[in-house]
Amino acid sequence: MQLRKLGRTNLDVSAVGYGAWGIGGKQWLGTGDQQALASLHAALGKGIDFFDTALAYGDGHSEQLIGIVKRETGLPMTIATKIPPKNSLWPARPGIGIAEVFPRDYIVACTEQSLRNLGVDVIDLQQLHVWNPEWIDNDEWRRGFEDIKRSGKVRAVGISINDHQPDSALDIINTGLVDAVQVIYNIFDQTPEQNLFPLCMEKNVGVIARVPFDEGSLTGQINEFTQFPEGDFRNLYFTGDRKKQVHDRVLAICEDLQVPMDRISGVALRFCISHPAVSTVIPGMRRVESVLANAAAGSQGPLPSNTLDILRRHAWPRNFYPA
């Protein structure tokens, strides 16, 4: 597995990382802890060393599972986590001040809770789980980040950008006070390439590409007849006729590339790591077979330029996330 620098940090991260939302067991259903632990072990075995989790994933359960595997294996793991908004609103809402979302003391307290969940002395990357550019001139986030870095509780800090709003992070990147950003980037949503990626490269800010499969669309396994467990997040994401919409779009990609549907997930991952701004891509991997397939795709490296040219034509801007 290729290693890449996470921006200006001293952290080397695998080109394919591990997105740990699904193993939290609260919004993505159908996987128990034993499968989750097996997938984490398999990821380490395949050279995946970057693990992105959050305090909100299963109310800390995802962090706890990662901590178990770190203690069991003793292997190096670069761990990123995120501070949930205090008002529990995803995404951040315009007009709501940062004092209600990320007050300084709350940033510190959440970091300490994540340290306990993970069973580590220091977090490699701590992130705010939402961001509102209206907060840019407020000192709460700055002081919170300064406190946790100065105390040695975290090595680097960053933000997770609101869904499909890459340009909302431009101002905070220009402050020079964040080391990394996490953003939705996939074949359908290519908008970060316009402004965010060039600025990140200029400022040497790491980029974590999230949702590379568009919550499952770009695995080629969703069609109009697909059923998800009751209570599963994807029932909201793929409401109405959206399953048919994404199936038709993915089928068109496969026809243009002349690849079978069961190979599109590998193409989707390699699309993300083909951009030089991207440090790592973090697909969700709840099962060992997914780990093996994603690691294999990542080891193949970037896509050839002619394939990227075809994929550029399949951009599909839209937002399926519940308001």
C-alpha atoms as a PDB file:
ATOM      1  CA  MET A   1       0.000   0.000   0.000  1.00  0.00           C
ATOM      2  CA  GLN A   2       1.397   3.367  -1.038  1.00  0.00           C
ATOM      3  CA  LEU A   3       2.039   5.861   1.771  1.00  0.00           C
ATOM      4  CA  ARG A   4       1.440   9.580   1.333  1.00  0.00           C
ATOM      5  CA  LYS A   5       2.110  12.662   3.446  1.00  0.00           C
ATOM      6  CA  LEU A   6      -0.902  14.160   5.190  1.00  0.00           C
ATOM      7  CA  GLY A   7      -0.206  17.720   4.128  1.00  0.00           C
ATOM      8  CA  ARG A   8       2.428  19.501   6.188  1.00  0.00           C
ATOM      9  CA  THR A   9       2.136  17.095   9.113  1.00  0.00           C
ATOM     10  CA  ASN A  10       4.783  14.484   9.765  1.00  0.00           C
ATOM     11  CA  LEU A  11       2.145  11.782   9.327  1.00  0.00           C
ATOM     12  CA  ASP A  12       2.499   9.195   6.581  1.00  0.00           C
ATOM     13  CA  VAL A  13      -0.880   7.685   5.725  1.00  0.00           C
ATOM     14  CA  SER A  14      -1.949   4.847   3.471  1.00  0.00           C
ATOM     15  CA  ALA A  15      -3.491   5.960   0.174  1.00  0.00           C
ATOM     16  CA  VAL A  16      -6.579   3.964   1.142  1.00  0.00           C
ATOM     17  CA  GLY A  17      -7.675   4.499   4.723  1.00  0.00           C
ATOM     18  CA  TYR A  18     -10.463   3.010   6.829  1.00  0.00           C
ATOM     19  CA  GLY A  19     -13.714   4.900   7.256  1.00  0.00           C
ATOM     20  CA  ALA A  20     -15.123   3.757  10.596  1.00  0.00           C
ATOM     21  CA  TRP A  21     -18.619   5.268  10.634  1.00  0.00           C
ATOM     22  CA  GLY A  22     -20.257   1.967   9.715  1.00  0.00           C
ATOM     23  CA  ILE A  23     -18.739  -0.045  12.562  1.00  0.00           C
ATOM     24  CA  GLY A  24     -20.255   2.279  15.147  1.00  0.00           C
ATOM     25  CA  GLY A  25     -23.379   0.131  14.850  1.00  0.00           C
ATOM     26  CA  LYS A  26     -25.978   2.879  15.181  1.00  0.00           C
ATOM     27  CA  GLN A  27     -26.928   4.108  11.697  1.00  0.00           C
ATOM     28  CA  TRP A  28     -25.411   1.433   9.455  1.00  0.00           C
ATOM     29  CA  LEU A  29     -26.963  -1.885  10.414  1.00  0.00           C
ATOM     30  CA  GLY A  30     -26.193  -5.507   9.651  1.00  0.00           C
ATOM     31  CA  THR A  31     -22.665  -5.796  11.041  1.00  0.00           C
ATOM     32  CA  GLY A  32     -21.765  -6.915  14.554  1.00  0.00           C
ATOM     33  CA  ASP A  33     -18.645  -6.253  16.571  1.00  0.00           C
ATOM     34  CA  GLN A  34     -16.937  -9.502  15.600  1.00  0.00           C
ATOM     35  CA  GLN A  35     -17.176  -8.668  11.910  1.00  0.00           C
ATOM     36  CA  ALA A  36     -16.038  -5.129  12.613  1.00  0.00           C
ATOM     37  CA  LEU A  37     -13.004  -6.288  14.593  1.00  0.00           C
ATOM     38  CA  ALA A  38     -12.127  -8.815  11.894  1.00  0.00           C
ATOM     39  CA  SER A  39     -12.269  -6.089   9.256  1.00  0.00           C
ATOM     40  CA  LEU A  40     -10.011  -3.809  11.301  1.00  0.00           C
ATOM     41  CA  HIS A  41      -7.461  -6.612  11.714  1.00  0.00           C
ATOM     42  CA  ALA A  42      -7.647  -7.373   7.987  1.00  0.00           C
ATOM     43  CA  ALA A  43      -7.056  -3.716   7.146  1.00  0.00           C
ATOM     44  CA  LEU A  44      -3.871  -3.606   9.187  1.00  0.00           C
ATOM     45  CA  GLY A  45      -2.770  -6.834   7.536  1.00  0.00           C
ATOM     46  CA  LYS A  46      -3.145  -5.240   4.116  1.00  0.00           C
ATOM     47  CA  GLY A  47      -1.108  -2.157   4.938  1.00  0.00           C
ATOM     48  CA  ILE A  48      -3.996   0.185   5.722  1.00  0.00           C
ATOM     49  CA  ASP A  49      -2.732   2.323   8.592  1.00  0.00           C
ATOM     50  CA  PHE A  50      -5.060   5.357   8.583  1.00  0.00           C
ATOM     51  CA  PHE A  51      -8.306   5.029  10.537  1.00  0.00           C
ATOM     52  CA  ASP A  52     -10.915   7.785  10.574  1.00  0.00           C
ATOM     53  CA  THR A  53     -13.544   7.624  13.292  1.00  0.00           C
ATOM     54  CA  ALA A  54     -15.625  10.055  15.379  1.00  0.00           C
ATOM     55  CA  LEU A  55     -17.000  10.435  18.872  1.00  0.00           C
ATOM     56  CA  ALA A  56     -20.486  10.439  17.330  1.00  0.00           C
ATOM     57  CA  TYR A  57     -20.102   7.064  15.601  1.00  0.00           C
ATOM     58  CA  GLY A  58     -22.133   4.814  17.856  1.00  0.00           C
ATOM     59  CA  ASP A  59     -21.617   7.264  20.725  1.00  0.00           C
ATOM     60  CA  GLY A  60     -17.933   6.371  20.849  1.00  0.00           C
ATOM     61  CA  HIS A  61     -18.299   2.675  20.026  1.00  0.00           C
ATOM     62  CA  SER A  62     -16.366   2.986  16.779  1.00  0.00           C
ATOM     63  CA  GLU A  63     -13.476   4.598  18.678  1.00  0.00           C
ATOM     64  CA  GLN A  64     -13.574   1.837  21.281  1.00  0.00           C
ATOM     65  CA  LEU A  65     -13.329  -0.898  18.633  1.00  0.00           C
ATOM     66  CA  ILE A  66     -10.322   0.783  17.060  1.00  0.00           C
ATOM     67  CA  GLY A  67      -8.744   1.052  20.504  1.00  0.00           C
ATOM     68  CA  ILE A  68      -9.245  -2.672  21.075  1.00  0.00           C
ATOM     69  CA  VAL A  69      -7.472  -3.567  17.844  1.00  0.00           C
ATOM     70  CA  LYS A  70      -4.637  -1.149  18.523  1.00  0.00           C
ATOM     71  CA  ARG A  71      -4.029  -2.788  21.913  1.00  0.00           C
ATOM     72  CA  GLU A  72      -4.384  -6.322  20.530  1.00  0.00           C
ATOM     73  CA  THR A  73      -1.941  -5.848  17.657  1.00  0.00           C
ATOM     74  CA  GLY A  74       0.491  -3.234  18.897  1.00  0.00           C
ATOM     75  CA  LEU A  75       0.849  -2.159  15.258  1.00  0.00           C
ATOM     76  CA  PRO A  76       1.299   1.474  14.213  1.00  0.00           C
ATOM     77  CA  MET A  77      -2.044   3.133  13.482  1.00  0.00           C
ATOM     78  CA  THR A  78      -2.635   6.724  12.467  1.00  0.00           C
ATOM     79  CA  ILE A  79      -5.955   7.634  14.055  1.00  0.00           C
ATOM     80  CA  ALA A  80      -8.179  10.577  13.193  1.00  0.00           C
ATOM     81  CA  THR A  81     -11.365  11.332  15.066  1.00  0.00           C
ATOM     82  CA  LYS A  82     -13.929  14.122  15.193  1.00  0.00           C
ATOM     83  CA  ILE A  83     -15.710  16.308  17.745  1.00  0.00           C
ATOM     84  CA  PRO A  84     -19.498  16.230  17.292  1.00  0.00           C
ATOM     85  CA  PRO A  85     -21.423  19.508  17.239  1.00  0.00           C
ATOM     86  CA  LYS A  86     -22.686  20.238  20.749  1.00  0.00           C
ATOM     87  CA  ASN A  87     -26.144  21.051  19.379  1.00  0.00           C
ATOM     88  CA  SER A  88     -26.225  17.721  17.466  1.00  0.00           C
ATOM     89  CA  LEU A  89     -27.027  19.396  14.156  1.00  0.00           C
ATOM     90  CA  TRP A  90     -25.484  17.989  10.984  1.00  0.00           C
ATOM     91  CA  PRO A  91     -24.658  19.941   8.861  1.00  0.00           C
ATOM     92  CA  ALA A  92     -23.879  23.220  10.605  1.00  0.00           C
ATOM     93  CA  ARG A  93     -26.750  25.683  10.279  1.00  0.00           C
ATOM     94  CA  PRO A  94     -26.322  29.291   9.138  1.00  0.00           C
ATOM     95  CA  GLY A  95     -26.929  31.838  11.862  1.00  0.00           C
ATOM     96  CA  ILE A  96     -26.041  29.561  14.795  1.00  0.00           C
ATOM     97  CA  GLY A  97     -22.969  30.833  16.617  1.00  0.00           C
ATOM     98  CA  ILE A  98     -19.985  28.668  17.437  1.00  0.00           C
ATOM     99  CA  ALA A  99     -20.659  29.050  21.170  1.00  0.00           C
ATOM    100  CA  GLU A 100     -23.597  26.682  20.697  1.00  0.00           C
ATOM    101  CA  VAL A 101     -21.625  24.208  18.592  1.00  0.00           C
ATOM    102  CA  PHE A 102     -17.919  24.152  19.490  1.00  0.00           C
ATOM    103  CA  PRO A 103     -17.175  26.154  22.642  1.00  0.00           C
ATOM    104  CA  ARG A 104     -13.548  25.924  23.709  1.00  0.00           C
ATOM    105  CA  ASP A 105     -14.117  23.824  26.845  1.00  0.00           C
ATOM    106  CA  TYR A 106     -16.298  21.411  24.857  1.00  0.00           C
ATOM    107  CA  ILE A 107     -13.529  20.876  22.289  1.00  0.00           C
ATOM    108  CA  VAL A 108     -11.158  19.949  25.110  1.00  0.00           C
ATOM    109  CA  ALA A 109     -13.685  17.699  26.899  1.00  0.00           C
ATOM    110  CA  CYS A 110     -14.576  15.757  23.728  1.00  0.00           C
ATOM    111  CA  THR A 111     -10.904  15.252  22.946  1.00  0.00           C
ATOM    112  CA  GLU A 112     -10.346  13.804  26.409  1.00  0.00           C
ATOM    113  CA  GLN A 113     -13.326  11.457  25.968  1.00  0.00           C
ATOM    114  CA  SER A 114     -11.996  10.255  22.628  1.00  0.00           C
ATOM    115  CA  LEU A 115      -8.588   9.620  24.187  1.00  0.00           C
ATOM    116  CA  ARG A 116     -10.281   7.412  26.781  1.00  0.00           C
ATOM    117  CA  ASN A 117     -12.353   5.573  24.169  1.00  0.00           C
ATOM    118  CA  LEU A 118      -9.299   4.918  22.002  1.00  0.00           C
ATOM    119  CA  GLY A 119      -7.029   4.092  24.929  1.00  0.00           C
ATOM    120  CA  VAL A 120      -4.238   6.313  23.599  1.00  0.00           C
ATOM    121  CA  ASP A 121      -2.226   9.212  24.969  1.00  0.00           C
ATOM    122  CA  VAL A 122      -2.385  11.325  21.818  1.00  0.00           C
ATOM    123  CA  ILE A 123      -4.725  11.583  18.826  1.00  0.00           C
ATOM    124  CA  ASP A 124      -2.971  11.991  15.499  1.00  0.00           C
ATOM    125  CA  LEU A 125      -5.665  14.184  13.926  1.00  0.00           C
ATOM    126  CA  GLN A 126      -8.579  15.828  15.718  1.00  0.00           C
ATOM    127  CA  GLN A 127     -11.307  17.391  13.565  1.00  0.00           C
ATOM    128  CA  LEU A 128     -14.444  19.460  13.993  1.00  0.00           C
ATOM    129  CA  HIS A 129     -17.243  17.279  12.607  1.00  0.00           C
ATOM    130  CA  VAL A 130     -19.028  20.224  10.931  1.00  0.00           C
ATOM    131  CA  TRP A 131     -17.931  23.653   9.810  1.00  0.00           C
ATOM    132  CA  ASN A 132     -19.606  27.011   9.237  1.00  0.00           C
ATOM    133  CA  PRO A 133     -17.539  29.753   7.540  1.00  0.00           C
ATOM    134  CA  GLU A 134     -19.435  32.322   9.619  1.00  0.00           C
ATOM    135  CA  TRP A 135     -17.250  31.200  12.546  1.00  0.00           C
ATOM    136  CA  ILE A 136     -13.965  32.159  10.937  1.00  0.00           C
ATOM    137  CA  ASP A 137     -13.291  35.242  13.083  1.00  0.00           C
ATOM    138  CA  ASN A 138     -14.441  33.703  16.372  1.00  0.00           C
ATOM    139  CA  ASP A 139     -11.739  32.697  18.852  1.00  0.00           C
ATOM    140  CA  GLU A 140     -13.515  29.626  20.301  1.00  0.00           C
ATOM    141  CA  TRP A 141     -12.276  27.139  17.699  1.00  0.00           C
ATOM    142  CA  ARG A 142      -8.830  28.712  17.547  1.00  0.00           C
ATOM    143  CA  ARG A 143      -8.354  28.599  21.326  1.00  0.00           C
ATOM    144  CA  GLY A 144      -9.756  25.076  21.513  1.00  0.00           C
ATOM    145  CA  PHE A 145      -7.365  23.840  18.844  1.00  0.00           C
ATOM    146  CA  GLU A 146      -4.451  25.668  20.468  1.00  0.00           C
ATOM    147  CA  ASP A 147      -5.247  24.101  23.851  1.00  0.00           C
ATOM    148  CA  ILE A 148      -5.367  20.505  22.644  1.00  0.00           C
ATOM    149  CA  LYS A 149      -2.243  20.886  20.518  1.00  0.00           C
ATOM    150  CA  ARG A 150      -0.242  22.703  23.196  1.00  0.00           C
ATOM    151  CA  SER A 151      -1.180  20.077  25.787  1.00  0.00           C
ATOM    152  CA  GLY A 152       0.122  17.307  23.541  1.00  0.00           C
ATOM    153  CA  LYS A 153      -3.285  15.637  23.316  1.00  0.00           C
ATOM    154  CA  VAL A 154      -3.350  15.896  19.518  1.00  0.00           C
ATOM    155  CA  ARG A 155      -0.709  16.145  16.820  1.00  0.00           C
ATOM    156  CA  ALA A 156      -2.720  17.862  14.116  1.00  0.00           C
ATOM    157  CA  VAL A 157      -6.124  19.517  13.694  1.00  0.00           C
ATOM    158  CA  GLY A 158      -8.617  19.908  10.900  1.00  0.00           C
ATOM    159  CA  ILE A 159     -12.260  20.087   9.902  1.00  0.00           C
ATOM    160  CA  SER A 160     -14.774  17.848   8.204  1.00  0.00           C
ATOM    161  CA  ILE A 161     -16.460  20.011   5.574  1.00  0.00           C
ATOM    162  CA  ASN A 162     -20.246  20.106   5.346  1.00  0.00           C
ATOM    163  CA  ASP A 163     -21.830  17.838   2.731  1.00  0.00           C
ATOM    164  CA  HIS A 164     -21.166  19.053  -0.826  1.00  0.00           C
ATOM    165  CA  GLN A 165     -19.855  22.454   0.315  1.00  0.00           C
ATOM    166  CA  PRO A 166     -16.116  22.333  -0.445  1.00  0.00           C
ATOM    167  CA  ASP A 167     -15.750  26.091  -0.869  1.00  0.00           C
ATOM    168  CA  SER A 168     -16.981  26.696   2.700  1.00  0.00           C
ATOM    169  CA  ALA A 169     -13.490  25.694   3.905  1.00  0.00           C
ATOM    170  CA  LEU A 170     -11.472  28.117   1.800  1.00  0.00           C
ATOM    171  CA  ASP A 171     -11.301  30.841   4.455  1.00  0.00           C
ATOM    172  CA  ILE A 172     -10.201  28.540   7.273  1.00  0.00           C
ATOM    173  CA  ILE A 173      -7.511  27.011   5.074  1.00  0.00           C
ATOM    174  CA  ASN A 174      -6.194  30.501   4.358  1.00  0.00           C
ATOM    175  CA  THR A 175      -5.750  31.105   8.117  1.00  0.00           C
ATOM    176  CA  GLY A 176      -2.979  28.506   8.151  1.00  0.00           C
ATOM    177  CA  LEU A 177      -4.404  27.067  11.376  1.00  0.00           C
ATOM    178  CA  VAL A 178      -5.682  23.710  10.105  1.00  0.00           C
ATOM    179  CA  ASP A 179      -3.515  20.828   8.966  1.00  0.00           C
ATOM    180  CA  ALA A 180      -6.130  18.786   7.079  1.00  0.00           C
ATOM    181  CA  VAL A 181      -9.642  18.883   5.690  1.00  0.00           C
ATOM    182  CA  GLN A 182     -12.078  16.064   5.061  1.00  0.00           C
ATOM    183  CA  VAL A 183     -14.398  16.456   2.077  1.00  0.00           C
ATOM    184  CA  ILE A 184     -16.879  14.518  -0.050  1.00  0.00           C
ATOM    185  CA  TYR A 185     -15.116  13.643  -3.287  1.00  0.00           C
ATOM    186  CA  ASN A 186     -16.122  10.967  -5.747  1.00  0.00           C
ATOM    187  CA  ILE A 187     -16.952  10.405  -9.426  1.00  0.00           C
ATOM    188  CA  PHE A 188     -20.309  12.127  -8.971  1.00  0.00           C
ATOM    189  CA  ASP A 189     -19.135  15.059  -6.820  1.00  0.00           C
ATOM    190  CA  GLN A 190     -15.965  16.415  -8.398  1.00  0.00           C
ATOM    191  CA  THR A 191     -16.482  20.003  -7.194  1.00  0.00           C
ATOM    192  CA  PRO A 192     -13.515  20.008  -4.744  1.00  0.00           C
ATOM    193  CA  GLU A 193     -11.216  20.021  -7.780  1.00  0.00           C
ATOM    194  CA  GLN A 194     -12.271  23.554  -8.712  1.00  0.00           C
ATOM    195  CA  ASN A 195     -11.137  25.628  -5.734  1.00  0.00           C
ATOM    196  CA  LEU A 196     -10.502  23.488  -2.661  1.00  0.00           C
ATOM    197  CA  PHE A 197      -7.827  21.155  -4.018  1.00  0.00           C
ATOM    198  CA  PRO A 198      -5.669  23.861  -5.617  1.00  0.00           C
ATOM    199  CA  LEU A 199      -5.691  25.849  -2.366  1.00  0.00           C
ATOM    200  CA  CYS A 200      -4.860  22.773  -0.276  1.00  0.00           C
ATOM    201  CA  MET A 201      -1.894  22.047  -2.525  1.00  0.00           C
ATOM    202  CA  GLU A 202      -0.742  25.665  -2.293  1.00  0.00           C
ATOM    203  CA  LYS A 203      -0.997  25.700   1.523  1.00  0.00           C
ATOM    204  CA  ASN A 204       0.197  22.098   1.939  1.00  0.00           C
ATOM    205  CA  VAL A 205      -2.995  21.064   3.748  1.00  0.00           C
ATOM    206  CA  GLY A 206      -3.830  17.365   3.796  1.00  0.00           C
ATOM    207  CA  VAL A 207      -7.006  16.152   2.074  1.00  0.00           C
ATOM    208  CA  ILE A 208      -9.061  13.197   3.292  1.00  0.00           C
ATOM    209  CA  ALA A 209     -11.545  12.167   0.606  1.00  0.00           C
ATOM    210  CA  ARG A 210     -14.714  10.784   2.121  1.00  0.00           C
ATOM    211  CA  VAL A 211     -17.815   9.082   0.643  1.00  0.00           C
ATOM    212  CA  PRO A 212     -15.886   7.679  -2.361  1.00  0.00           C
ATOM    213  CA  PHE A 213     -18.766   5.276  -3.089  1.00  0.00           C
ATOM    214  CA  ASP A 214     -21.555   7.854  -2.668  1.00  0.00           C
ATOM    215  CA  GLU A 215     -22.918   5.890   0.325  1.00  0.00           C
ATOM    216  CA  GLY A 216     -22.904   2.704  -1.778  1.00  0.00           C
ATOM    217  CA  SER A 217     -24.015   3.928  -5.205  1.00  0.00           C
ATOM    218  CA  LEU A 218     -20.557   3.498  -6.720  1.00  0.00           C
ATOM    219  CA  THR A 219     -20.122  -0.061  -5.512  1.00  0.00           C
ATOM    220  CA  GLY A 220     -22.476  -1.202  -8.286  1.00  0.00           C
ATOM    221  CA  GLN A 221     -24.535  -3.142  -5.743  1.00  0.00           C
ATOM    222  CA  ILE A 222     -27.575  -0.869  -5.544  1.00  0.00           C
ATOM    223  CA  ASN A 223     -30.543  -1.042  -7.877  1.00  0.00           C
ATOM    224  CA  GLU A 224     -34.229  -0.124  -7.631  1.00  0.00           C
ATOM    225  CA  PHE A 225     -35.008  -3.403  -5.824  1.00  0.00           C
ATOM    226  CA  THR A 226     -32.310  -3.098  -3.124  1.00  0.00           C
ATOM    227  CA  GLN A 227     -33.646  -3.252   0.446  1.00  0.00           C
ATOM    228  CA  PHE A 228     -31.855  -1.928   3.524  1.00  0.00           C
ATOM    229  CA  PRO A 229     -32.527  -2.954   7.146  1.00  0.00           C
ATOM    230  CA  GLU A 230     -35.140  -0.953   9.022  1.00  0.00           C
ATOM    231  CA  GLY A 231     -33.480   2.001  10.739  1.00  0.00           C
ATOM    232  CA  ASP A 232     -30.501   1.978   8.359  1.00  0.00           C
ATOM    233  CA  PHE A 233     -29.270   5.435   7.292  1.00  0.00           C
ATOM    234  CA  ARG A 234     -29.438   4.481   3.608  1.00  0.00           C
ATOM    235  CA  ASN A 235     -33.234   4.313   3.689  1.00  0.00           C
ATOM    236  CA  LEU A 236     -33.174   8.101   4.039  1.00  0.00           C
ATOM    237  CA  TYR A 237     -30.343   8.657   1.584  1.00  0.00           C
ATOM    238  CA  PHE A 238     -31.899   6.536  -1.166  1.00  0.00           C
ATOM    239  CA  THR A 239     -35.502   7.605  -0.694  1.00  0.00           C
ATOM    240  CA  GLY A 240     -38.023   7.737  -3.553  1.00  0.00           C
ATOM    241  CA  ASP A 241     -36.625   6.676  -6.926  1.00  0.00           C
ATOM    242  CA  ARG A 242     -33.021   7.488  -6.034  1.00  0.00           C
ATOM    243  CA  LYS A 243     -31.896   3.837  -6.148  1.00  0.00           C
ATOM    244  CA  LYS A 244     -32.961   3.635  -9.788  1.00  0.00           C
ATOM    245  CA  GLN A 245     -31.344   6.995 -10.519  1.00  0.00           C
ATOM    246  CA  VAL A 246     -27.959   5.913  -9.172  1.00  0.00           C
ATOM    247  CA  HIS A 247     -28.154   2.485 -10.812  1.00  0.00           C
ATOM    248  CA  ASP A 248     -28.764   4.081 -14.206  1.00  0.00           C
ATOM    249  CA  ARG A 249     -25.869   6.500 -13.682  1.00  0.00           C
ATOM    250  CA  VAL A 250     -23.465   3.750 -12.625  1.00  0.00           C
ATOM    251  CA  LEU A 251     -24.532   1.584 -15.540  1.00  0.00           C
ATOM    252  CA  ALA A 252     -23.700   4.455 -17.897  1.00  0.00           C
ATOM    253  CA  ILE A 253     -20.219   4.749 -16.375  1.00  0.00           C
ATOM    254  CA  CYS A 254     -19.619   1.033 -16.784  1.00  0.00           C
ATOM    255  CA  GLU A 255     -20.726   1.145 -20.408  1.00  0.00           C
ATOM    256  CA  ASP A 256     -18.436   4.090 -21.158  1.00  0.00           C
ATOM    257  CA  LEU A 257     -15.464   2.392 -19.505  1.00  0.00           C
ATOM    258  CA  GLN A 258     -16.393  -1.045 -20.819  1.00  0.00           C
ATOM    259  CA  VAL A 259     -15.999  -2.582 -17.368  1.00  0.00           C
ATOM    260  CA  PRO A 260     -18.426  -4.902 -15.550  1.00  0.00           C
ATOM    261  CA  MET A 261     -20.510  -3.508 -12.692  1.00  0.00           C
ATOM    262  CA  ASP A 262     -18.579  -5.519 -10.091  1.00  0.00           C
ATOM    263  CA  ARG A 263     -15.393  -3.575 -10.917  1.00  0.00           C
ATOM    264  CA  ILE A 264     -16.779  -0.072 -10.497  1.00  0.00           C
ATOM    265  CA  SER A 265     -15.912   0.196  -6.804  1.00  0.00           C
ATOM    266  CA  GLY A 266     -12.229  -0.229  -7.594  1.00  0.00           C
ATOM    267  CA  VAL A 267     -12.494   2.430 -10.282  1.00  0.00           C
ATOM    268  CA  ALA A 268     -14.248   4.748  -7.812  1.00  0.00           C
ATOM    269  CA  LEU A 269     -11.465   4.411  -5.227  1.00  0.00           C
ATOM    270  CA  ARG A 270      -8.699   4.874  -7.767  1.00  0.00           C
ATOM    271  CA  PHE A 271     -10.461   7.965  -9.092  1.00  0.00           C
ATOM    272  CA  CYS A 272     -10.070   9.590  -5.677  1.00  0.00           C
ATOM    273  CA  ILE A 273      -6.388   8.795  -5.224  1.00  0.00           C
ATOM    274  CA  SER A 274      -5.627   9.940  -8.772  1.00  0.00           C
ATOM    275  CA  HIS A 275      -5.803  13.593  -7.743  1.00  0.00           C
ATOM    276  CA  PRO A 276      -2.452  14.824  -6.364  1.00  0.00           C
ATOM    277  CA  ALA A 277      -4.166  16.844  -3.616  1.00  0.00           C
ATOM    278  CA  VAL A 278      -5.690  13.751  -1.994  1.00  0.00           C
ATOM    279  CA  SER A 279      -3.675  12.287   0.866  1.00  0.00           C
ATOM    280  CA  THR A 280      -6.003   9.349   1.545  1.00  0.00           C
ATOM    281  CA  VAL A 281      -9.489   8.098   0.731  1.00  0.00           C
ATOM    282  CA  ILE A 282     -11.635   6.536   3.460  1.00  0.00           C
ATOM    283  CA  PRO A 283     -14.239   4.042   2.239  1.00  0.00           C
ATOM    284  CA  GLY A 284     -16.391   2.399   4.860  1.00  0.00           C
ATOM    285  CA  MET A 285     -15.276  -1.186   5.382  1.00  0.00           C
ATOM    286  CA  ARG A 286     -17.434  -3.250   7.699  1.00  0.00           C
ATOM    287  CA  ARG A 287     -16.549  -6.675   6.300  1.00  0.00           C
ATOM    288  CA  VAL A 288     -13.282  -8.463   5.560  1.00  0.00           C
ATOM    289  CA  GLU A 289     -14.184  -8.980   1.904  1.00  0.00           C
ATOM    290  CA  SER A 290     -14.630  -5.226   1.485  1.00  0.00           C
ATOM    291  CA  VAL A 291     -11.241  -4.590   3.075  1.00  0.00           C
ATOM    292  CA  LEU A 292      -9.533  -7.015   0.707  1.00  0.00           C
ATOM    293  CA  ALA A 293     -11.193  -5.541  -2.378  1.00  0.00           C
ATOM    294  CA  ASN A 294     -10.484  -1.936  -1.397  1.00  0.00           C
ATOM    295  CA  ALA A 295      -6.880  -2.631  -0.466  1.00  0.00           C
ATOM    296  CA  ALA A 296      -6.339  -4.390  -3.782  1.00  0.00           C
ATOM    297  CA  ALA A 297      -7.783  -1.442  -5.703  1.00  0.00           C
ATOM    298  CA  GLY A 298      -5.658   1.012  -3.760  1.00  0.00           C
ATOM    299  CA  SER A 299      -2.484  -0.932  -4.475  1.00  0.00           C
ATOM    300  CA  GLN A 300      -3.075  -0.412  -8.206  1.00  0.00           C
ATOM    301  CA  GLY A 301      -2.558   3.324  -7.805  1.00  0.00           C
ATOM    302  CA  PRO A 302      -4.010   6.188  -9.864  1.00  0.00           C
ATOM    303  CA  LEU A 303      -6.105   5.670 -12.986  1.00  0.00           C
ATOM    304  CA  PRO A 304      -4.713   6.358 -16.473  1.00  0.00           C
ATOM    305  CA  SER A 305      -5.492   9.791 -17.900  1.00  0.00           C
ATOM    306  CA  ASN A 306      -7.837   8.501 -20.609  1.00  0.00           C
ATOM    307  CA  THR A 307      -9.999   6.812 -17.973  1.00  0.00           C
ATOM    308  CA  LEU A 308     -10.069   9.997 -15.900  1.00  0.00           C
ATOM    309  CA  ASP A 309     -11.166  11.949 -18.977  1.00  0.00           C
ATOM    310  CA  ILE A 310     -14.158   9.619 -19.357  1.00  0.00           C
ATOM    311  CA  LEU A 311     -15.059   9.885 -15.684  1.00  0.00           C
ATOM    312  CA  ARG A 312     -15.001  13.685 -15.795  1.00  0.00           C
ATOM    313  CA  ARG A 313     -18.101  13.494 -18.001  1.00  0.00           C
ATOM    314  CA  HIS A 314     -20.025  11.609 -15.314  1.00  0.00           C
ATOM    315  CA  ALA A 315     -20.039  14.334 -12.654  1.00  0.00           C
ATOM    316  CA  TRP A 316     -23.522  14.562 -11.151  1.00  0.00           C
ATOM    317  CA  PRO A 317     -23.927  17.423  -8.652  1.00  0.00           C
ATOM    318  CA  ARG A 318     -26.796  16.877  -6.180  1.00  0.00           C
ATOM    319  CA  ASN A 319     -27.334  16.445  -2.439  1.00  0.00           C
ATOM    320  CA  PHE A 320     -29.213  13.359  -1.208  1.00  0.00           C
ATOM    321  CA  TYR A 321     -28.488  13.983   2.483  1.00  0.00           C
ATOM    322  CA  PRO A 322     -31.520  14.670   4.691  1.00  0.00           C
ATOM    323  CA  ALA A 323     -31.844  18.330   5.649  1.00  0.00           C
END
